[in-house]
């Protein structure tokens, strides 16, 4: 997810997209994500700072530690 600072309006900007967990290196031997992650980010400009509130949700599968 890329956002140009110059494109964030005064009232803020919310962006949503699906992200492949494997492409982020989150799939491991013990944890696998069943489908892409849902990522929603809200960007707000305050003077010379950009604030980001990010929500990530997804469904993961784990191998039992005894297996």
Protein backbone atom coordinates (compact mmCIF):
# COMPACT_ATOMS: atom_id res chain seq x y z
CA UNK A 1 0.00 0.00 0.00
CA UNK A 2 1.51 3.28 -1.10
CA UNK A 3 0.00 6.69 -0.51
CA UNK A 4 1.37 9.98 -1.78
CA UNK A 5 1.42 12.53 1.02
CA UNK A 6 0.37 15.25 -1.40
CA UNK A 7 -2.82 13.27 -2.16
CA UNK A 8 -4.04 13.14 1.46
CA UNK A 9 -6.85 15.69 1.74
CA UNK A 10 -7.41 17.84 4.82
CA UNK A 11 -10.21 15.53 6.03
CA UNK A 12 -7.94 12.46 5.75
CA UNK A 13 -7.81 9.44 3.47
CA UNK A 14 -8.94 5.84 4.01
CA UNK A 15 -7.55 3.09 1.79
CA UNK A 16 -8.51 -0.61 1.80
CA UNK A 17 -6.89 -3.49 -0.04
CA UNK A 18 -6.22 -7.20 0.15
CA UNK A 19 -2.59 -8.17 0.79
CA UNK A 20 -0.97 -11.57 0.29
CA UNK A 21 0.50 -12.65 3.65
CA UNK A 22 3.10 -14.82 1.92
CA UNK A 23 4.45 -11.79 0.06
CA UNK A 24 5.01 -10.12 3.43
CA UNK A 25 6.88 -13.13 4.78
CA UNK A 26 4.16 -13.91 7.34
CA UNK A 27 3.57 -17.54 6.28
CA UNK A 28 5.87 -19.83 8.26
CA UNK A 29 6.19 -23.53 8.92
CA UNK A 30 3.81 -23.22 11.89
CA UNK A 31 1.47 -20.45 10.70
CA UNK A 32 -0.26 -20.15 7.33
CA UNK A 33 -2.83 -17.59 6.24
CA UNK A 34 -5.81 -19.17 4.49
CA UNK A 35 -6.59 -16.14 2.29
CA UNK A 36 -5.28 -12.63 1.67
CA UNK A 37 -5.27 -10.19 4.59
CA UNK A 38 -7.80 -7.34 4.65
CA UNK A 39 -5.89 -4.12 5.33
CA UNK A 40 -7.58 -0.77 5.96
CA UNK A 41 -5.50 2.31 6.69
CA UNK A 42 -6.65 5.82 7.56
CA UNK A 43 -4.14 8.61 6.97
CA UNK A 44 -4.35 12.04 8.56
CA UNK A 45 -2.00 14.99 8.05
CA UNK A 46 -1.16 17.17 11.04
CA UNK A 47 1.29 19.98 10.28
CA UNK A 48 4.47 18.21 9.12
CA UNK A 49 3.42 14.75 10.34
CA UNK A 50 1.32 11.96 8.81
CA UNK A 51 -0.60 9.73 11.21
CA UNK A 52 -1.69 6.26 10.11
CA UNK A 53 -4.25 4.03 11.83
CA UNK A 54 -4.05 0.55 10.33
CA UNK A 55 -6.40 -2.40 10.79
CA UNK A 56 -5.35 -5.84 9.55
CA UNK A 57 -7.61 -8.88 9.68
CA UNK A 58 -7.27 -12.34 8.30
CA UNK A 59 -7.71 -16.02 8.92
CA UNK A 60 -4.71 -18.09 9.88
CA UNK A 61 -4.13 -21.79 10.32
CA UNK A 62 -1.69 -23.09 12.92
CA UNK A 63 -0.13 -26.47 13.36
CA UNK A 64 -0.75 -27.96 16.78
CA UNK A 65 2.44 -27.70 18.87
CA UNK A 66 2.09 -31.39 19.71
CA UNK A 67 1.81 -32.50 16.09
